[in-house]
Structure formats: C-alpha cells, structure tokens
PDB file of N, CA and C in Angstrom:
ATOM      1  N   MET A   1     137.338  20.778 -26.816  1.00  0.00           N
ATOM      2  CA  MET A   1     137.212  21.346 -28.151  1.00  0.00           C
ATOM      3  C   MET A   1     138.593  21.652 -28.731  1.00  0.00           C
ATOM      4  N   ASP A   2     139.513  22.118 -27.876  1.00  0.00           N
ATOM      5  CA  ASP A   2     140.856  22.450 -28.358  1.00  0.00           C
ATOM      6  C   ASP A   2     141.571  21.218 -28.904  1.00  0.00           C
ATOM      7  N   LYS A   3     141.441  20.088 -28.207  1.00  0.00           N
ATOM      8  CA  LYS A   3     142.108  18.861 -28.666  1.00  0.00           C
ATOM      9  C   LYS A   3     141.506  18.360 -29.971  1.00  0.00           C
ATOM     10  N   LEU A   4     140.197  18.443 -30.095  1.00  0.00           N
ATOM     11  CA  LEU A   4     139.544  18.023 -31.337  1.00  0.00           C
ATOM     12  C   LEU A   4     140.006  18.885 -32.507  1.00  0.00           C
ATOM     13  N   ALA A   5     140.087  20.185 -32.282  1.00  0.00           N
ATOM     14  CA  ALA A   5     140.566  21.090 -33.329  1.00  0.00           C
ATOM     15  C   ALA A   5     141.996  20.752 -33.700  1.00  0.00           C
ATOM     16  N   LEU A   6     142.830  20.478 -32.712  1.00  0.00           N
ATOM     17  CA  LEU A   6     144.226  20.134 -32.983  1.00  0.00           C
ATOM     18  C   LEU A   6     144.327  18.843 -33.781  1.00  0.00           C
ATOM     19  N   ILE A   7     143.543  17.847 -33.431  1.00  0.00           N
ATOM     20  CA  ILE A   7     143.549  16.580 -34.165  1.00  0.00           C
ATOM     21  C   ILE A   7     143.147  16.802 -35.616  1.00  0.00           C
ATOM     22  N   LEU A   8     142.107  17.598 -35.844  1.00  0.00           N
ATOM     23  CA  LEU A   8     141.657  17.860 -37.213  1.00  0.00           C
ATOM     24  C   LEU A   8     142.693  18.652 -38.004  1.00  0.00           C
ATOM     25  N   VAL A   9     143.361  19.595 -37.361  1.00  0.00           N
ATOM     26  CA  VAL A   9     144.405  20.365 -38.045  1.00  0.00           C
ATOM     27  C   VAL A   9     145.570  19.445 -38.411  1.00  0.00           C
ATOM     28  N   ILE A  10     145.923  18.527 -37.527  1.00  0.00           N
ATOM     29  CA  ILE A  10     146.999  17.577 -37.823  1.00  0.00           C
ATOM     30  C   ILE A  10     146.610  16.674 -38.981  1.00  0.00           C
ATOM     31  N   ILE A  11     145.371  16.199 -38.999  1.00  0.00           N
ATOM     32  CA  ILE A  11     144.895  15.382 -40.118  1.00  0.00           C
ATOM     33  C   ILE A  11     145.008  16.160 -41.420  1.00  0.00           C
ATOM     34  N   GLY A  12     144.582  17.418 -41.393  1.00  0.00           N
ATOM     35  CA  GLY A  12     144.675  18.252 -42.595  1.00  0.00           C
ATOM     36  C   GLY A  12     146.114  18.469 -43.030  1.00  0.00           C
ATOM     37  N   ALA A  13     146.992  18.705 -42.075  1.00  0.00           N
ATOM     38  CA  ALA A  13     148.402  18.926 -42.405  1.00  0.00           C
ATOM     39  C   ALA A  13     149.022  17.664 -43.008  1.00  0.00           C
ATOM     40  N   LEU A  14     148.724  16.515 -42.428  1.00  0.00           N
ATOM     41  CA  LEU A  14     149.249  15.260 -42.978  1.00  0.00           C
ATOM     42  C   LEU A  14     148.714  15.005 -44.381  1.00  0.00           C
ATOM     43  N   ASN A  15     147.435  15.280 -44.567  1.00  0.00           N
ATOM     44  CA  ASN A  15     146.840  15.080 -45.893  1.00  0.00           C
ATOM     45  C   ASN A  15     147.488  15.996 -46.927  1.00  0.00           C
ATOM     46  N   TRP A  16     147.692  17.273 -46.570  1.00  0.00           N
ATOM     47  CA  TRP A  16     148.341  18.196 -47.506  1.00  0.00           C
ATOM     48  C   TRP A  16     149.792  17.803 -47.759  1.00  0.00           C
ATOM     49  N   GLY A  17     150.461  17.280 -46.745  1.00  0.00           N
ATOM     50  CA  GLY A  17     151.821  16.788 -46.945  1.00  0.00           C
ATOM     51  C   GLY A  17     151.864  15.643 -47.942  1.00  0.00           C
ATOM     52  N   LEU A  18     150.917  14.723 -47.819  1.00  0.00           N
ATOM     53  CA  LEU A  18     150.844  13.608 -48.767  1.00  0.00           C
ATOM     54  C   LEU A  18     150.514  14.094 -50.171  1.00  0.00           C
ATOM     55  N   ILE A  19     149.640  15.070 -50.276  1.00  0.00           N
ATOM     56  CA  ILE A  19     149.304  15.619 -51.584  1.00  0.00           C
ATOM     57  C   ILE A  19     150.530  16.291 -52.193  1.00  0.00           C
ATOM     58  N   GLY A  20     151.231  17.078 -51.406  1.00  0.00           N
ATOM     59  CA  GLY A  20     152.397  17.792 -51.915  1.00  0.00           C
ATOM     60  C   GLY A  20     153.541  16.876 -52.307  1.00  0.00           C
ATOM     61  N   LEU A  21     153.783  15.858 -51.510  1.00  0.00           N
ATOM     62  CA  LEU A  21     154.921  14.972 -51.775  1.00  0.00           C
ATOM     63  C   LEU A  21     154.624  13.881 -52.794  1.00  0.00           C
ATOM     64  N   PHE A  22     153.426  13.306 -52.712  1.00  0.00           N
ATOM     65  CA  PHE A  22     153.135  12.114 -53.508  1.00  0.00           C
ATOM     66  C   PHE A  22     151.896  12.226 -54.387  1.00  0.00           C
ATOM     67  N   GLN A  23     151.250  13.388 -54.398  1.00  0.00           N
ATOM     68  CA  GLN A  23     149.997  13.579 -55.118  1.00  0.00           C
ATOM     69  C   GLN A  23     148.975  12.516 -54.719  1.00  0.00           C
ATOM     70  N   PHE A  24     148.903  12.260 -53.416  1.00  0.00           N
ATOM     71  CA  PHE A  24     148.009  11.245 -52.863  1.00  0.00           C
ATOM     72  C   PHE A  24     147.110  11.892 -51.820  1.00  0.00           C
ATOM     73  N   ASP A  25     145.816  11.907 -52.070  1.00  0.00           N
ATOM     74  CA  ASP A  25     144.837  12.488 -51.156  1.00  0.00           C
ATOM     75  C   ASP A  25     144.243  11.374 -50.298  1.00  0.00           C
ATOM     76  N   LEU A  26     144.730  11.256 -49.071  1.00  0.00           N
ATOM     77  CA  LEU A  26     144.302  10.182 -48.183  1.00  0.00           C
ATOM     78  C   LEU A  26     142.822  10.290 -47.833  1.00  0.00           C
ATOM     79  N   VAL A  27     142.348  11.487 -47.571  1.00  0.00           N
ATOM     80  CA  VAL A  27     140.934  11.675 -47.222  1.00  0.00           C
ATOM     81  C   VAL A  27     140.045  11.210 -48.374  1.00  0.00           C
ATOM     82  N   ALA A  28     140.368  11.613 -49.581  1.00  0.00           N
ATOM     83  CA  ALA A  28     139.571  11.201 -50.741  1.00  0.00           C
ATOM     84  C   ALA A  28     139.629   9.689 -50.938  1.00  0.00           C
ATOM     85  N   THR A  29     140.796   9.108 -50.728  1.00  0.00           N
ATOM     86  CA  THR A  29     140.943   7.663 -50.880  1.00  0.00           C
ATOM     87  C   THR A  29     140.108   6.908 -49.854  1.00  0.00           C
ATOM     88  N   LEU A  30     140.120   7.376 -48.621  1.00  0.00           N
ATOM     89  CA  LEU A  30     139.388   6.680 -47.562  1.00  0.00           C
ATOM     90  C   LEU A  30     137.878   6.854 -47.665  1.00  0.00           C
ATOM     91  N   PHE A  31     137.432   7.996 -48.190  1.00  0.00           N
ATOM     92  CA  PHE A  31     136.005   8.303 -48.123  1.00  0.00           C
ATOM     93  C   PHE A  31     135.323   8.421 -49.488  1.00  0.00           C
ATOM     94  N   GLY A  32     135.898   7.858 -50.533  1.00  0.00           N
ATOM     95  CA  GLY A  32     135.184   7.735 -51.797  1.00  0.00           C
ATOM     96  C   GLY A  32     135.361   8.863 -52.781  1.00  0.00           C
ATOM     97  N   GLY A  33     136.502   9.516 -52.788  1.00  0.00           N
ATOM     98  CA  GLY A  33     136.759  10.574 -53.752  1.00  0.00           C
ATOM     99  C   GLY A  33     136.587  11.942 -53.153  1.00  0.00           C
ATOM    100  N   GLU A  34     137.224  12.912 -53.801  1.00  0.00           N
ATOM    101  CA  GLU A  34     137.217  14.266 -53.233  1.00  0.00           C
ATOM    102  C   GLU A  34     135.867  14.942 -53.305  1.00  0.00           C
ATOM    103  N   ASN A  35     134.954  14.454 -54.135  1.00  0.00           N
ATOM    104  CA  ASN A  35     133.631  15.068 -54.245  1.00  0.00           C
ATOM    105  C   ASN A  35     132.555  14.323 -53.476  1.00  0.00           C
ATOM    106  N   SER A  36     132.932  13.249 -52.769  1.00  0.00           N
ATOM    107  CA  SER A  36     131.928  12.522 -51.990  1.00  0.00           C
ATOM    108  C   SER A  36     131.500  13.373 -50.793  1.00  0.00           C
ATOM    109  N   LEU A  37     130.316  13.132 -50.314  1.00  0.00           N
ATOM    110  CA  LEU A  37     129.762  13.910 -49.207  1.00  0.00           C
ATOM    111  C   LEU A  37     130.633  13.785 -47.960  1.00  0.00           C
ATOM    112  N   VAL A  38     131.081  12.574 -47.641  1.00  0.00           N
ATOM    113  CA  VAL A  38     131.877  12.366 -46.430  1.00  0.00           C
ATOM    114  C   VAL A  38     133.216  13.103 -46.536  1.00  0.00           C
ATOM    115  N   SER A  39     133.864  13.025 -47.695  1.00  0.00           N
ATOM    116  CA  SER A  39     135.127  13.740 -47.883  1.00  0.00           C
ATOM    117  C   SER A  39     134.932  15.235 -47.733  1.00  0.00           C
ATOM    118  N   ARG A  40     133.874  15.756 -48.301  1.00  0.00           N
ATOM    119  CA  ARG A  40     133.613  17.197 -48.194  1.00  0.00           C
ATOM    120  C   ARG A  40     133.337  17.604 -46.760  1.00  0.00           C
ATOM    121  N   ILE A  41     132.687  16.739 -45.999  1.00  0.00           N
ATOM    122  CA  ILE A  41     132.453  17.018 -44.576  1.00  0.00           C
ATOM    123  C   ILE A  41     133.784  17.053 -43.830  1.00  0.00           C
ATOM    124  N   VAL A  42     134.660  16.079 -44.110  1.00  0.00           N
ATOM    125  CA  VAL A  42     135.975  16.051 -43.455  1.00  0.00           C
ATOM    126  C   VAL A  42     136.768  17.301 -43.825  1.00  0.00           C
ATOM    127  N   TYR A  43     136.795  17.657 -45.111  1.00  0.00           N
ATOM    128  CA  TYR A  43     137.510  18.871 -45.537  1.00  0.00           C
ATOM    129  C   TYR A  43     136.954  20.109 -44.820  1.00  0.00           C
ATOM    130  N   THR A  44     135.636  20.185 -44.700  1.00  0.00           N
ATOM    131  CA  THR A  44     134.995  21.325 -44.037  1.00  0.00           C
ATOM    132  C   THR A  44     135.354  21.376 -42.559  1.00  0.00           C
ATOM    133  N   LEU A  45     135.320  20.225 -41.893  1.00  0.00           N
ATOM    134  CA  LEU A  45     135.681  20.182 -40.477  1.00  0.00           C
ATOM    135  C   LEU A  45     137.142  20.576 -40.253  1.00  0.00           C
ATOM    136  N   VAL A  46     138.026  20.123 -41.142  1.00  0.00           N
ATOM    137  CA  VAL A  46     139.439  20.497 -41.039  1.00  0.00           C
ATOM    138  C   VAL A  46     139.593  22.010 -41.225  1.00  0.00           C
ATOM    139  N   GLY A  47     138.889  22.573 -42.182  1.00  0.00           N
ATOM    140  CA  GLY A  47     138.935  24.015 -42.401  1.00  0.00           C
ATOM    141  C   GLY A  47     138.408  24.802 -41.208  1.00  0.00           C
ATOM    142  N   LEU A  48     137.299  24.350 -40.642  1.00  0.00           N
ATOM    143  CA  LEU A  48     136.749  25.016 -39.464  1.00  0.00           C
ATOM    144  C   LEU A  48     137.696  24.903 -38.269  1.00  0.00           C
ATOM    145  N   ALA A  49     138.345  23.747 -38.138  1.00  0.00           N
ATOM    146  CA  ALA A  49     139.318  23.567 -37.062  1.00  0.00           C
ATOM    147  C   ALA A  49     140.503  24.512 -37.243  1.00  0.00           C
ATOM    148  N   GLY A  50     140.910  24.727 -38.481  1.00  0.00           N
ATOM    149  CA  GLY A  50     141.986  25.682 -38.739  1.00  0.00           C
ATOM    150  C   GLY A  50     141.597  27.086 -38.352  1.00  0.00           C
ATOM    151  N   ILE A  51     140.378  27.471 -38.679  1.00  0.00           N
ATOM    152  CA  ILE A  51     139.894  28.800 -38.300  1.00  0.00           C
ATOM    153  C   ILE A  51     139.806  28.908 -36.781  1.00  0.00           C
ATOM    154  N   TYR A  52     139.285  27.879 -36.136  1.00  0.00           N
ATOM    155  CA  TYR A  52     139.187  27.869 -34.677  1.00  0.00           C
ATOM    156  C   TYR A  52     140.576  27.970 -34.044  1.00  0.00           C
ATOM    157  N   SER A  53     141.566  27.335 -34.657  1.00  0.00           N
ATOM    158  CA  SER A  53     142.921  27.291 -34.107  1.00  0.00           C
ATOM    159  C   SER A  53     143.651  28.623 -34.189  1.00  0.00           C
ATOM    160  N   ILE A  54     143.106  29.569 -34.931  1.00  0.00           N
ATOM    161  CA  ILE A  54     143.715  30.900 -34.975  1.00  0.00           C
ATOM    162  C   ILE A  54     143.776  31.496 -33.573  1.00  0.00           C
ATOM    163  N   LYS A  55     142.839  31.098 -32.729  1.00  0.00           N
ATOM    164  CA  LYS A  55     142.825  31.622 -31.365  1.00  0.00           C
ATOM    165  C   LYS A  55     144.102  31.276 -30.611  1.00  0.00           C
ATOM    166  N   PHE A  56     144.746  30.165 -30.953  1.00  0.00           N
ATOM    167  CA  PHE A  56     146.002  29.807 -30.306  1.00  0.00           C
ATOM    168  C   PHE A  56     147.116  30.757 -30.697  1.00  0.00           C
ATOM    169  N   LEU A  57     147.040  31.304 -31.873  1.00  0.00           N
ATOM    170  CA  LEU A  57     148.054  32.228 -32.368  1.00  0.00           C
ATOM    171  C   LEU A  57     147.893  33.611 -31.754  1.00  0.00           C
ATOM    172  N   VAL A  58     146.657  34.062 -31.613  1.00  0.00           N
ATOM    173  CA  VAL A  58     146.406  35.423 -31.136  1.00  0.00           C
ATOM    174  C   VAL A  58     145.824  35.459 -29.732  1.00  0.00           C
ATOM    175  N   GLY A  59     145.755  34.293 -29.076  1.00  0.00           N
ATOM    176  CA  GLY A  59     145.121  34.200 -27.769  1.00  0.00           C
ATOM    177  C   GLY A  59     145.947  34.829 -26.656  1.00  0.00           C
ATOM    178  N   ASP A  60     145.426  34.707 -25.477  1.00  0.00           N
ATOM    179  CA  ASP A  60     146.043  35.245 -24.265  1.00  0.00           C
ATOM    180  C   ASP A  60     147.398  34.594 -24.036  1.00  0.00           C
ATOM    181  N   ARG A  61     148.449  35.356 -24.084  1.00  0.00           N
ATOM    182  CA  ARG A  61     149.800  34.819 -23.959  1.00  0.00           C
ATOM    183  C   ARG A  61     150.273  34.753 -22.498  1.00  0.00           C
ATOM    184  N   GLU A  62     149.442  35.188 -21.577  1.00  0.00           N
ATOM    185  CA  GLU A  62     149.825  35.148 -20.168  1.00  0.00           C
ATOM    186  C   GLU A  62     149.552  33.805 -19.542  1.00  0.00           C
ATOM    187  N   ARG A  63     148.810  32.936 -20.235  1.00  0.00           N
ATOM    188  CA  ARG A  63     148.511  31.601 -19.713  1.00  0.00           C
ATOM    189  C   ARG A  63     149.605  30.620 -20.100  1.00  0.00           C
ATOM    190  N   ALA A  64     150.775  30.748 -19.613  1.00  0.00           N
ATOM    191  CA  ALA A  64     151.857  29.848 -19.999  1.00  0.00           C
ATOM    192  C   ALA A  64     152.146  28.829 -18.985  1.00  0.00           C
TER     193      ALA A  64
END
C-alpha cells in the first residue's frame, strides 16, 4: 500500500509540475478532460494517496 501511495503522489506531483510550468494537465489529456469520470477518479486517488502519505511525515521515527 505504501508503494502504491508513493506512486500516486509522484504522479500528482508531476502533473502539478506540468500544470505550473506549461499549463498542461497530463491526466486530463490522457483520460478525456478534467471533468471526465476517469480523470476525476485519478484525481481522487492521488488526493487520497496524499492524505495516506501524511503518515510518513508523522509516523514512527524509530524505524530507520
């Protein structure tokens, strides 16, 4: 689950980087626009992965 969350967070970060630099939304381009069902699912999964990833920030720091 941790790797899947990390992959989704990286996808989201790359997409936001493209939006910020080039005004290009890769997810929307690949899945039929920002309002398409598939794009909204991807956006939702990326958001949930970001929330899940908060545990890495506040998690047990003794497991190094």
